[in-house]
Amino acid sequence: DEASHRFVPFRPLALAVHAGFHLDEGDLAEAGRLVADAISLGITDTLLVMEIELRLVTARLAAARGDTRTALAQVGNILATLDQNGARYFLPQVLRLQAHYLLAIDDRAAARDTLRRARSVAIDLGARNELWILLADLAKIEGVEGNQDEMDSLLQNAHQIVQEIAEQIDDPALHMSFLARAKALISSE
């Protein structure tokens, strides 16, 4: 936090990332306080990545508070900003969030279409760290729909990507941590 005070233009980004950590830990109050602080600093003059990071954590916070409609609206705004700026880097991640929020309001067809779009973008970008998660998400929907063969194929592809990524991780602790996270995400999906 001290560093974010010295680098004032980056303070909203630092606060947004910090809020994301608190949100992951379930601390909605602290995440909300940090988001409010970041917003109060203004995001109109920040770099695009700062703006997107703050908007992402704001959408996640709304969803964590049970306000899925606001989260969906926030994600829609992020997608519009990405489109206006021709930015695709965050697109798979943002589309995945949108799909999760669509599932939360029982719009499985729209969620599936959104995940398919995210998968396509992730493939185009070579974003394998996002791709395996998207495949696991799609597999869950296919399983609910009773499409066992498609579900199995998607899961097989997700596992293959996870193994390829894991093979590139030299640090044993990081290697095990990544595999544990992947297993948890794939089995929970």
N, C-alpha and C. Protein backbone atom coordinates (compact mmCIF):
# COMPACT_ATOMS: atom_id res chain seq x y z
N ASP A 1 0.83 -1.20 0.00
CA ASP A 1 0.00 0.00 0.00
C ASP A 1 0.87 1.25 0.00
N GLU A 2 2.03 1.19 0.66
CA GLU A 2 2.94 2.33 0.67
C GLU A 2 3.40 2.67 -0.74
N ALA A 3 3.70 1.64 -1.52
CA ALA A 3 4.15 1.88 -2.90
C ALA A 3 3.06 2.54 -3.73
N SER A 4 1.80 2.17 -3.48
CA SER A 4 0.73 2.78 -4.27
C SER A 4 0.58 4.26 -3.96
N HIS A 5 1.00 4.70 -2.76
CA HIS A 5 0.97 6.13 -2.44
C HIS A 5 2.07 6.87 -3.20
N ARG A 6 3.22 6.23 -3.41
CA ARG A 6 4.31 6.87 -4.13
C ARG A 6 4.01 6.95 -5.62
N PHE A 7 3.30 5.97 -6.15
CA PHE A 7 2.97 5.93 -7.57
C PHE A 7 1.48 6.19 -7.73
N VAL A 8 1.11 7.43 -7.51
CA VAL A 8 -0.30 7.82 -7.46
C VAL A 8 -1.10 7.38 -8.69
N PRO A 9 -0.57 7.48 -9.92
CA PRO A 9 -1.38 7.05 -11.06
C PRO A 9 -1.76 5.57 -11.00
N PHE A 10 -0.98 4.78 -10.27
CA PHE A 10 -1.26 3.36 -10.19
C PHE A 10 -2.07 2.97 -8.96
N ARG A 11 -2.40 3.92 -8.12
CA ARG A 11 -3.13 3.63 -6.89
C ARG A 11 -4.47 2.93 -7.15
N PRO A 12 -5.30 3.37 -8.12
CA PRO A 12 -6.56 2.65 -8.36
C PRO A 12 -6.34 1.19 -8.72
N LEU A 13 -5.31 0.91 -9.51
CA LEU A 13 -5.02 -0.47 -9.88
C LEU A 13 -4.61 -1.28 -8.64
N ALA A 14 -3.71 -0.71 -7.83
CA ALA A 14 -3.26 -1.41 -6.62
C ALA A 14 -4.45 -1.70 -5.69
N LEU A 15 -5.31 -0.72 -5.53
CA LEU A 15 -6.49 -0.91 -4.67
C LEU A 15 -7.43 -1.97 -5.25
N ALA A 16 -7.61 -1.97 -6.58
CA ALA A 16 -8.49 -2.95 -7.21
C ALA A 16 -7.94 -4.36 -7.05
N VAL A 17 -6.65 -4.53 -7.25
CA VAL A 17 -6.04 -5.85 -7.09
C VAL A 17 -6.15 -6.30 -5.63
N HIS A 18 -5.87 -5.39 -4.72
CA HIS A 18 -5.98 -5.69 -3.28
C HIS A 18 -7.42 -6.07 -2.93
N ALA A 19 -8.38 -5.36 -3.48
CA ALA A 19 -9.80 -5.68 -3.25
C ALA A 19 -10.12 -7.08 -3.76
N GLY A 20 -9.55 -7.44 -4.91
CA GLY A 20 -9.76 -8.78 -5.45
C GLY A 20 -9.28 -9.87 -4.51
N PHE A 21 -8.14 -9.65 -3.86
CA PHE A 21 -7.64 -10.62 -2.89
C PHE A 21 -8.60 -10.77 -1.72
N HIS A 22 -9.11 -9.63 -1.22
CA HIS A 22 -10.07 -9.69 -0.11
C HIS A 22 -11.37 -10.37 -0.55
N LEU A 23 -11.77 -10.11 -1.76
CA LEU A 23 -12.98 -10.74 -2.29
C LEU A 23 -12.80 -12.25 -2.37
N ASP A 24 -11.63 -12.70 -2.84
CA ASP A 24 -11.34 -14.13 -2.90
C ASP A 24 -11.40 -14.79 -1.53
N GLU A 25 -11.05 -14.02 -0.49
CA GLU A 25 -11.07 -14.53 0.88
C GLU A 25 -12.45 -14.39 1.53
N GLY A 26 -13.40 -13.82 0.80
CA GLY A 26 -14.76 -13.67 1.34
C GLY A 26 -14.96 -12.43 2.20
N ASP A 27 -13.99 -11.53 2.23
CA ASP A 27 -14.08 -10.32 3.04
C ASP A 27 -14.71 -9.21 2.21
N LEU A 28 -16.05 -9.25 2.11
CA LEU A 28 -16.77 -8.30 1.27
C LEU A 28 -16.67 -6.87 1.78
N ALA A 29 -16.63 -6.72 3.08
CA ALA A 29 -16.57 -5.36 3.65
C ALA A 29 -15.28 -4.66 3.24
N GLU A 30 -14.15 -5.34 3.42
CA GLU A 30 -12.86 -4.72 3.07
C GLU A 30 -12.75 -4.54 1.56
N ALA A 31 -13.23 -5.52 0.79
CA ALA A 31 -13.20 -5.40 -0.66
C ALA A 31 -14.03 -4.18 -1.09
N GLY A 32 -15.19 -4.02 -0.50
CA GLY A 32 -16.03 -2.88 -0.82
C GLY A 32 -15.39 -1.55 -0.47
N ARG A 33 -14.72 -1.50 0.67
CA ARG A 33 -14.03 -0.27 1.08
C ARG A 33 -12.92 0.07 0.09
N LEU A 34 -12.15 -0.94 -0.31
CA LEU A 34 -11.05 -0.70 -1.25
C LEU A 34 -11.57 -0.27 -2.62
N VAL A 35 -12.66 -0.87 -3.08
CA VAL A 35 -13.26 -0.48 -4.36
C VAL A 35 -13.74 0.97 -4.28
N ALA A 36 -14.40 1.32 -3.19
CA ALA A 36 -14.87 2.70 -3.02
C ALA A 36 -13.69 3.68 -3.03
N ASP A 37 -12.60 3.31 -2.36
CA ASP A 37 -11.42 4.18 -2.36
C ASP A 37 -10.87 4.35 -3.77
N ALA A 38 -10.79 3.25 -4.51
CA ALA A 38 -10.26 3.30 -5.88
C ALA A 38 -11.15 4.16 -6.77
N ILE A 39 -12.45 3.99 -6.64
CA ILE A 39 -13.39 4.78 -7.46
C ILE A 39 -13.29 6.26 -7.11
N SER A 40 -13.10 6.55 -5.83
CA SER A 40 -13.02 7.95 -5.42
C SER A 40 -11.81 8.66 -6.02
N LEU A 41 -10.79 7.90 -6.39
CA LEU A 41 -9.60 8.49 -7.01
C LEU A 41 -9.83 8.81 -8.47
N GLY A 42 -10.89 8.27 -9.04
CA GLY A 42 -11.21 8.51 -10.45
C GLY A 42 -10.49 7.53 -11.34
N ILE A 43 -11.22 7.04 -12.35
CA ILE A 43 -10.62 6.07 -13.26
C ILE A 43 -10.59 6.57 -14.69
N THR A 44 -11.10 7.76 -14.92
CA THR A 44 -11.17 8.22 -16.31
C THR A 44 -9.79 8.50 -16.90
N ASP A 45 -8.82 8.85 -16.08
CA ASP A 45 -7.49 9.19 -16.59
C ASP A 45 -6.49 8.06 -16.41
N THR A 46 -6.94 6.91 -16.03
CA THR A 46 -6.02 5.81 -15.81
C THR A 46 -5.82 5.03 -17.09
N LEU A 47 -4.80 4.20 -17.09
CA LEU A 47 -4.59 3.31 -18.21
C LEU A 47 -5.74 2.33 -18.30
N LEU A 48 -5.97 1.82 -19.49
CA LEU A 48 -7.09 0.90 -19.71
C LEU A 48 -7.03 -0.30 -18.78
N VAL A 49 -5.86 -0.86 -18.58
CA VAL A 49 -5.75 -2.04 -17.74
C VAL A 49 -6.20 -1.74 -16.31
N MET A 50 -5.90 -0.55 -15.82
CA MET A 50 -6.35 -0.17 -14.47
C MET A 50 -7.87 -0.07 -14.42
N GLU A 51 -8.42 0.55 -15.42
CA GLU A 51 -9.86 0.72 -15.47
C GLU A 51 -10.57 -0.64 -15.52
N ILE A 52 -10.08 -1.54 -16.36
CA ILE A 52 -10.70 -2.85 -16.49
C ILE A 52 -10.56 -3.64 -15.20
N GLU A 53 -9.39 -3.61 -14.60
CA GLU A 53 -9.17 -4.34 -13.35
C GLU A 53 -10.14 -3.85 -12.26
N LEU A 54 -10.30 -2.55 -12.16
CA LEU A 54 -11.22 -2.00 -11.16
C LEU A 54 -12.66 -2.38 -11.47
N ARG A 55 -13.05 -2.30 -12.73
CA ARG A 55 -14.42 -2.67 -13.10
C ARG A 55 -14.68 -4.15 -12.87
N LEU A 56 -13.67 -4.99 -13.12
CA LEU A 56 -13.83 -6.43 -12.88
C LEU A 56 -14.09 -6.72 -11.42
N VAL A 57 -13.28 -6.13 -10.56
CA VAL A 57 -13.46 -6.39 -9.13
C VAL A 57 -14.77 -5.78 -8.62
N THR A 58 -15.21 -4.69 -9.23
CA THR A 58 -16.50 -4.09 -8.86
C THR A 58 -17.65 -5.02 -9.25
N ALA A 59 -17.56 -5.62 -10.43
CA ALA A 59 -18.59 -6.58 -10.85
C ALA A 59 -18.59 -7.81 -9.95
N ARG A 60 -17.40 -8.32 -9.64
CA ARG A 60 -17.30 -9.49 -8.76
C ARG A 60 -17.86 -9.19 -7.38
N LEU A 61 -17.61 -7.98 -6.89
CA LEU A 61 -18.13 -7.57 -5.58
C LEU A 61 -19.66 -7.52 -5.60
N ALA A 62 -20.22 -6.96 -6.65
CA ALA A 62 -21.69 -6.92 -6.77
C ALA A 62 -22.26 -8.34 -6.77
N ALA A 63 -21.64 -9.24 -7.52
CA ALA A 63 -22.12 -10.63 -7.56
C ALA A 63 -21.97 -11.30 -6.21
N ALA A 64 -20.86 -11.06 -5.53
CA ALA A 64 -20.65 -11.67 -4.21
C ALA A 64 -21.67 -11.16 -3.20
N ARG A 65 -22.16 -9.97 -3.41
CA ARG A 65 -23.19 -9.40 -2.54
C ARG A 65 -24.59 -9.85 -2.96
N GLY A 66 -24.67 -10.66 -4.01
CA GLY A 66 -25.95 -11.19 -4.45
C GLY A 66 -26.67 -10.34 -5.49
N ASP A 67 -26.01 -9.33 -5.99
CA ASP A 67 -26.62 -8.42 -6.97
C ASP A 67 -26.15 -8.80 -8.38
N THR A 68 -26.68 -9.91 -8.88
CA THR A 68 -26.24 -10.45 -10.17
C THR A 68 -26.59 -9.50 -11.32
N ARG A 69 -27.71 -8.85 -11.26
CA ARG A 69 -28.11 -7.93 -12.34
C ARG A 69 -27.11 -6.78 -12.47
N THR A 70 -26.68 -6.23 -11.34
CA THR A 70 -25.68 -5.17 -11.39
C THR A 70 -24.36 -5.71 -11.92
N ALA A 71 -23.99 -6.91 -11.49
CA ALA A 71 -22.76 -7.53 -11.97
C ALA A 71 -22.81 -7.70 -13.50
N LEU A 72 -23.95 -8.16 -14.00
CA LEU A 72 -24.11 -8.32 -15.45
C LEU A 72 -24.01 -6.97 -16.17
N ALA A 73 -24.60 -5.96 -15.60
CA ALA A 73 -24.52 -4.62 -16.21
C ALA A 73 -23.07 -4.13 -16.22
N GLN A 74 -22.37 -4.36 -15.12
CA GLN A 74 -20.96 -3.95 -15.04
C GLN A 74 -20.14 -4.67 -16.12
N VAL A 75 -20.38 -5.97 -16.27
CA VAL A 75 -19.66 -6.75 -17.27
C VAL A 75 -19.99 -6.24 -18.67
N GLY A 76 -21.24 -5.90 -18.90
CA GLY A 76 -21.63 -5.32 -20.19
C GLY A 76 -20.87 -4.03 -20.47
N ASN A 77 -20.70 -3.21 -19.44
CA ASN A 77 -19.93 -1.97 -19.60
C ASN A 77 -18.46 -2.26 -19.90
N ILE A 78 -17.91 -3.28 -19.25
CA ILE A 78 -16.52 -3.65 -19.50
C ILE A 78 -16.37 -4.11 -20.95
N LEU A 79 -17.30 -4.94 -21.40
CA LEU A 79 -17.24 -5.43 -22.77
C LEU A 79 -17.32 -4.28 -23.77
N ALA A 80 -18.17 -3.30 -23.48
CA ALA A 80 -18.27 -2.13 -24.36
C ALA A 80 -16.96 -1.35 -24.39
N THR A 81 -16.34 -1.20 -23.23
CA THR A 81 -15.06 -0.49 -23.15
C THR A 81 -13.98 -1.24 -23.93
N LEU A 82 -13.94 -2.55 -23.77
CA LEU A 82 -12.97 -3.35 -24.51
C LEU A 82 -13.19 -3.21 -26.02
N ASP A 83 -14.45 -3.25 -26.42
CA ASP A 83 -14.78 -3.12 -27.84
C ASP A 83 -14.39 -1.75 -28.37
N GLN A 84 -14.70 -0.70 -27.62
CA GLN A 84 -14.37 0.66 -28.05
C GLN A 84 -12.87 0.87 -28.22
N ASN A 85 -12.10 0.16 -27.41
CA ASN A 85 -10.65 0.32 -27.43
C ASN A 85 -9.94 -0.75 -28.25
N GLY A 86 -10.70 -1.67 -28.82
CA GLY A 86 -10.09 -2.73 -29.60
C GLY A 86 -9.21 -3.64 -28.76
N ALA A 87 -9.49 -3.71 -27.48
CA ALA A 87 -8.68 -4.50 -26.55
C ALA A 87 -9.30 -5.89 -26.39
N ARG A 88 -8.48 -6.91 -26.54
CA ARG A 88 -8.99 -8.28 -26.44
C ARG A 88 -8.38 -9.06 -25.27
N TYR A 89 -7.34 -8.52 -24.66
CA TYR A 89 -6.61 -9.25 -23.63
C TYR A 89 -7.51 -9.78 -22.52
N PHE A 90 -8.40 -8.95 -22.00
CA PHE A 90 -9.28 -9.34 -20.90
C PHE A 90 -10.54 -10.07 -21.37
N LEU A 91 -10.78 -10.12 -22.67
CA LEU A 91 -12.04 -10.62 -23.18
C LEU A 91 -12.41 -12.02 -22.70
N PRO A 92 -11.53 -13.03 -22.75
CA PRO A 92 -11.93 -14.36 -22.25
C PRO A 92 -12.36 -14.33 -20.78
N GLN A 93 -11.61 -13.60 -19.96
CA GLN A 93 -11.92 -13.51 -18.53
C GLN A 93 -13.26 -12.82 -18.30
N VAL A 94 -13.50 -11.73 -19.01
CA VAL A 94 -14.75 -10.97 -18.83
C VAL A 94 -15.94 -11.79 -19.34
N LEU A 95 -15.77 -12.44 -20.47
CA LEU A 95 -16.86 -13.28 -20.99
C LEU A 95 -17.16 -14.45 -20.05
N ARG A 96 -16.13 -14.99 -19.42
CA ARG A 96 -16.35 -16.07 -18.45
C ARG A 96 -17.18 -15.57 -17.27
N LEU A 97 -16.86 -14.39 -16.78
CA LEU A 97 -17.66 -13.81 -15.69
C LEU A 97 -19.10 -13.61 -16.15
N GLN A 98 -19.26 -13.08 -17.36
CA GLN A 98 -20.61 -12.86 -17.88
C GLN A 98 -21.38 -14.18 -17.93
N ALA A 99 -20.72 -15.24 -18.39
CA ALA A 99 -21.37 -16.55 -18.46
C ALA A 99 -21.78 -17.04 -17.07
N HIS A 100 -20.93 -16.85 -16.09
CA HIS A 100 -21.28 -17.27 -14.73
C HIS A 100 -22.48 -16.50 -14.20
N TYR A 101 -22.54 -15.22 -14.50
CA TYR A 101 -23.67 -14.42 -14.04
C TYR A 101 -24.94 -14.79 -14.80
N LEU A 102 -24.81 -15.14 -16.07
CA LEU A 102 -25.97 -15.62 -16.83
C LEU A 102 -26.48 -16.94 -16.27
N LEU A 103 -25.57 -17.81 -15.87
CA LEU A 103 -25.99 -19.06 -15.23
C LEU A 103 -26.71 -18.78 -13.91
N ALA A 104 -26.25 -17.77 -13.20
CA ALA A 104 -26.87 -17.42 -11.92
C ALA A 104 -28.31 -16.97 -12.08
N ILE A 105 -28.65 -16.44 -13.27
CA ILE A 105 -30.05 -16.05 -13.51
C ILE A 105 -30.75 -17.07 -14.41
N ASP A 106 -30.17 -18.26 -14.48
CA ASP A 106 -30.75 -19.40 -15.21
C ASP A 106 -30.89 -19.19 -16.71
N ASP A 107 -29.96 -18.49 -17.31
CA ASP A 107 -29.95 -18.35 -18.76
C ASP A 107 -28.80 -19.18 -19.32
N ARG A 108 -29.00 -20.51 -19.27
CA ARG A 108 -27.96 -21.45 -19.66
C ARG A 108 -27.58 -21.34 -21.14
N ALA A 109 -28.55 -21.10 -22.00
CA ALA A 109 -28.26 -20.99 -23.43
C ALA A 109 -27.34 -19.80 -23.71
N ALA A 110 -27.64 -18.66 -23.11
CA ALA A 110 -26.79 -17.48 -23.30
C ALA A 110 -25.41 -17.71 -22.68
N ALA A 111 -25.38 -18.39 -21.55
CA ALA A 111 -24.10 -18.69 -20.91
C ALA A 111 -23.24 -19.58 -21.80
N ARG A 112 -23.86 -20.59 -22.40
CA ARG A 112 -23.13 -21.48 -23.30
C ARG A 112 -22.58 -20.70 -24.50
N ASP A 113 -23.41 -19.87 -25.10
CA ASP A 113 -22.95 -19.07 -26.25
C ASP A 113 -21.80 -18.15 -25.84
N THR A 114 -21.90 -17.55 -24.66
CA THR A 114 -20.86 -16.66 -24.17
C THR A 114 -19.55 -17.41 -23.94
N LEU A 115 -19.65 -18.60 -23.35
CA LEU A 115 -18.45 -19.41 -23.13
C LEU A 115 -17.83 -19.87 -24.44
N ARG A 116 -18.66 -20.18 -25.41
CA ARG A 116 -18.12 -20.56 -26.73
C ARG A 116 -17.38 -19.40 -27.37
N ARG A 117 -17.94 -18.21 -27.23
CA ARG A 117 -17.24 -17.02 -27.75
C ARG A 117 -15.92 -16.82 -27.01
N ALA A 118 -15.95 -16.97 -25.70
CA ALA A 118 -14.74 -16.81 -24.89
C ALA A 118 -13.68 -17.85 -25.29
N ARG A 119 -14.13 -19.08 -25.53
CA ARG A 119 -13.21 -20.14 -25.96
C ARG A 119 -12.55 -19.75 -27.28
N SER A 120 -13.34 -19.26 -28.22
CA SER A 120 -12.82 -18.86 -29.52
C SER A 120 -11.77 -17.75 -29.38
N VAL A 121 -12.08 -16.76 -28.57
CA VAL A 121 -11.15 -15.65 -28.36
C VAL A 121 -9.88 -16.15 -27.67
N ALA A 122 -10.03 -17.01 -26.67
CA ALA A 122 -8.87 -17.55 -25.95
C ALA A 122 -7.96 -18.33 -26.90
N ILE A 123 -8.57 -19.08 -27.80
CA ILE A 123 -7.78 -19.83 -28.80
C ILE A 123 -7.04 -18.84 -29.71
N ASP A 124 -7.75 -17.82 -30.19
CA ASP A 124 -7.14 -16.81 -31.06
C ASP A 124 -5.97 -16.10 -30.37
N LEU A 125 -6.14 -15.82 -29.08
CA LEU A 125 -5.10 -15.10 -28.32
C LEU A 125 -3.99 -16.02 -27.84
N GLY A 126 -4.22 -17.33 -27.91
CA GLY A 126 -3.25 -18.26 -27.34
C GLY A 126 -3.26 -18.24 -25.82
N ALA A 127 -4.40 -17.89 -25.24
CA ALA A 127 -4.55 -17.74 -23.79
C ALA A 127 -4.90 -19.09 -23.16
N ARG A 128 -3.91 -19.96 -23.09
CA ARG A 128 -4.15 -21.32 -22.59
C ARG A 128 -4.52 -21.33 -21.10
N ASN A 129 -4.03 -20.36 -20.33
CA ASN A 129 -4.38 -20.32 -18.91
C ASN A 129 -5.87 -20.04 -18.71
N GLU A 130 -6.47 -19.34 -19.62
CA GLU A 130 -7.92 -19.11 -19.57
C GLU A 130 -8.67 -20.24 -20.26
N LEU A 131 -8.09 -20.79 -21.32
CA LEU A 131 -8.78 -21.77 -22.15
C LEU A 131 -9.20 -23.01 -21.38
N TRP A 132 -8.30 -23.58 -20.59
CA TRP A 132 -8.67 -24.81 -19.89
C TRP A 132 -9.83 -24.58 -18.91
N ILE A 133 -9.88 -23.40 -18.32
CA ILE A 133 -10.98 -23.08 -17.39
C ILE A 133 -12.28 -22.94 -18.16
N LEU A 134 -12.23 -22.30 -19.32
CA LEU A 134 -13.41 -22.15 -20.16
C LEU A 134 -13.93 -23.51 -20.62
N LEU A 135 -13.01 -24.40 -20.97
CA LEU A 135 -13.42 -25.75 -21.39
C LEU A 135 -14.11 -26.49 -20.25
N ALA A 136 -13.60 -26.34 -19.04
CA ALA A 136 -14.23 -26.97 -17.88
C ALA A 136 -15.63 -26.39 -17.64
N ASP A 137 -15.76 -25.08 -17.79
CA ASP A 137 -17.07 -24.43 -17.64
C ASP A 137 -18.06 -24.94 -18.69
N LEU A 138 -17.60 -25.02 -19.94
CA LEU A 138 -18.46 -25.54 -21.01
C LEU A 138 -18.85 -27.00 -20.74
N ALA A 139 -17.91 -27.78 -20.23
CA ALA A 139 -18.18 -29.19 -19.93
C ALA A 139 -19.30 -29.32 -18.91
N LYS A 140 -19.30 -28.44 -17.92
CA LYS A 140 -20.36 -28.49 -16.91
C LYS A 140 -21.73 -28.27 -17.56
N ILE A 141 -21.82 -27.30 -18.42
CA ILE A 141 -23.10 -27.02 -19.10
C ILE A 141 -23.51 -28.20 -19.96
N GLU A 142 -22.56 -28.74 -20.71
CA GLU A 142 -22.87 -29.90 -21.56
C GLU A 142 -23.34 -31.08 -20.71
N GLY A 143 -22.72 -31.26 -19.55
CA GLY A 143 -23.14 -32.34 -18.65
C GLY A 143 -24.56 -32.15 -18.16
N VAL A 144 -24.91 -30.93 -17.79
CA VAL A 144 -26.27 -30.63 -17.34
C VAL A 144 -27.27 -30.87 -18.47
N GLU A 145 -26.85 -30.58 -19.69
CA GLU A 145 -27.72 -30.78 -20.85
C GLU A 145 -27.80 -32.24 -21.29
N GLY A 146 -26.97 -33.10 -20.67
CA GLY A 146 -26.99 -34.52 -21.01
C GLY A 146 -26.13 -34.88 -22.20
N ASN A 147 -25.25 -33.97 -22.61
CA ASN A 147 -24.36 -34.21 -23.74
C ASN A 147 -23.04 -34.81 -23.23
N GLN A 148 -23.10 -36.07 -22.83
CA GLN A 148 -21.97 -36.73 -22.18
C GLN A 148 -20.72 -36.77 -23.05
N ASP A 149 -20.87 -37.09 -24.34
CA ASP A 149 -19.70 -37.17 -25.23
C ASP A 149 -19.00 -35.81 -25.36
N GLU A 150 -19.79 -34.76 -25.51
CA GLU A 150 -19.22 -33.41 -25.62
C GLU A 150 -18.55 -33.01 -24.31
N MET A 151 -19.20 -33.32 -23.19
CA MET A 151 -18.63 -33.02 -21.88
C MET A 151 -17.28 -33.73 -21.71
N ASP A 152 -17.24 -35.02 -22.04
CA ASP A 152 -16.00 -35.78 -21.91
C ASP A 152 -14.89 -35.21 -22.79
N SER A 153 -15.23 -34.83 -24.00
CA SER A 153 -14.26 -34.27 -24.93
C SER A 153 -13.69 -32.95 -24.39
N LEU A 154 -14.57 -32.08 -23.90
CA LEU A 154 -14.13 -30.80 -23.34
C LEU A 154 -13.23 -31.01 -22.13
N LEU A 155 -13.61 -31.93 -21.25
CA LEU A 155 -12.79 -32.20 -20.07
C LEU A 155 -11.44 -32.79 -20.45
N GLN A 156 -11.44 -33.66 -21.44
CA GLN A 156 -10.17 -34.24 -21.90
C GLN A 156 -9.25 -33.14 -22.43
N ASN A 157 -9.81 -32.22 -23.21
CA ASN A 157 -9.01 -31.10 -23.72
C ASN A 157 -8.50 -30.21 -22.59
N ALA A 158 -9.35 -29.96 -21.60
CA ALA A 158 -8.94 -29.15 -20.44
C ALA A 158 -7.80 -29.82 -19.70
N HIS A 159 -7.92 -31.11 -19.45
CA HIS A 159 -6.87 -31.86 -18.74
C HIS A 159 -5.56 -31.84 -19.53
N GLN A 160 -5.66 -31.97 -20.84
CA GLN A 160 -4.46 -31.96 -21.68
C GLN A 160 -3.73 -30.62 -21.58
N ILE A 161 -4.48 -29.53 -21.64
CA ILE A 161 -3.88 -28.20 -21.53
C ILE A 161 -3.25 -28.02 -20.16
N VAL A 162 -3.94 -28.47 -19.11
CA VAL A 162 -3.41 -28.36 -17.76
C VAL A 162 -2.07 -29.10 -17.67
N GLN A 163 -2.01 -30.30 -18.21
CA GLN A 163 -0.77 -31.07 -18.17
C GLN A 163 0.35 -30.37 -18.93
N GLU A 164 0.02 -29.80 -20.09
CA GLU A 164 1.02 -29.08 -20.88
C GLU A 164 1.55 -27.86 -20.13
N ILE A 165 0.66 -27.15 -19.48
CA ILE A 165 1.08 -25.99 -18.68
C ILE A 165 1.94 -26.46 -17.50
N ALA A 166 1.48 -27.49 -16.82
CA ALA A 166 2.18 -27.99 -15.63
C ALA A 166 3.60 -28.45 -15.97
N GLU A 167 3.76 -29.04 -17.15
CA GLU A 167 5.09 -29.50 -17.57
C GLU A 167 6.09 -28.36 -17.71
N GLN A 168 5.60 -27.16 -17.89
CA GLN A 168 6.47 -25.99 -18.08
C GLN A 168 6.83 -25.32 -16.75
N ILE A 169 6.26 -25.77 -15.65
CA ILE A 169 6.50 -25.16 -14.35
C ILE A 169 7.61 -25.92 -13.64
N ASP A 170 8.75 -25.26 -13.48
CA ASP A 170 9.92 -25.90 -12.89
C ASP A 170 9.87 -25.97 -11.37
N ASP A 171 9.31 -24.96 -10.73
CA ASP A 171 9.27 -24.92 -9.27
C ASP A 171 8.30 -25.99 -8.77
N PRO A 172 8.78 -26.96 -7.96
CA PRO A 172 7.90 -28.06 -7.50
C PRO A 172 6.67 -27.59 -6.72
N ALA A 173 6.85 -26.60 -5.86
CA ALA A 173 5.71 -26.12 -5.07
C ALA A 173 4.68 -25.44 -5.96
N LEU A 174 5.15 -24.63 -6.89
CA LEU A 174 4.24 -23.96 -7.81
C LEU A 174 3.55 -24.97 -8.73
N HIS A 175 4.30 -25.97 -9.15
CA HIS A 175 3.77 -27.04 -9.99
C HIS A 175 2.60 -27.74 -9.28
N MET A 176 2.82 -28.13 -8.03
CA MET A 176 1.78 -28.81 -7.26
C MET A 176 0.59 -27.89 -6.98
N SER A 177 0.89 -26.64 -6.70
CA SER A 177 -0.18 -25.67 -6.44
C SER A 177 -1.06 -25.48 -7.66
N PHE A 178 -0.43 -25.36 -8.83
CA PHE A 178 -1.19 -25.20 -10.06
C PHE A 178 -2.07 -26.42 -10.32
N LEU A 179 -1.50 -27.63 -10.17
CA LEU A 179 -2.28 -28.84 -10.41
C LEU A 179 -3.44 -28.96 -9.42
N ALA A 180 -3.20 -28.60 -8.17
CA ALA A 180 -4.29 -28.63 -7.17
C ALA A 180 -5.40 -27.66 -7.53
N ARG A 181 -5.00 -26.46 -7.96
CA ARG A 181 -6.01 -25.46 -8.35
C ARG A 181 -6.80 -25.95 -9.56
N ALA A 182 -6.09 -26.51 -10.53
CA ALA A 182 -6.74 -27.01 -11.75
C ALA A 182 -7.70 -28.13 -11.41
N LYS A 183 -7.27 -29.06 -10.57
CA LYS A 183 -8.13 -30.17 -10.19
C LYS A 183 -9.39 -29.65 -9.48
N ALA A 184 -9.21 -28.71 -8.58
CA ALA A 184 -10.35 -28.14 -7.85
C ALA A 184 -11.32 -27.43 -8.80
N LEU A 185 -10.79 -26.65 -9.72
CA LEU A 185 -11.67 -25.94 -10.67
C LEU A 185 -12.38 -26.90 -11.61
N ILE A 186 -11.66 -27.87 -12.12
CA ILE A 186 -12.27 -28.79 -13.07
C ILE A 186 -13.30 -29.67 -12.38
N SER A 187 -13.01 -30.13 -11.18
CA SER A 187 -13.97 -31.00 -10.49
C SER A 187 -15.17 -30.22 -9.96
N SER A 188 -14.98 -28.92 -9.66
CA SER A 188 -16.12 -28.11 -9.18
C SER A 188 -16.95 -27.61 -10.33
N GLU A 189 -16.38 -27.61 -11.51
CA GLU A 189 -17.14 -27.14 -12.67
C GLU A 189 -18.07 -28.24 -13.08
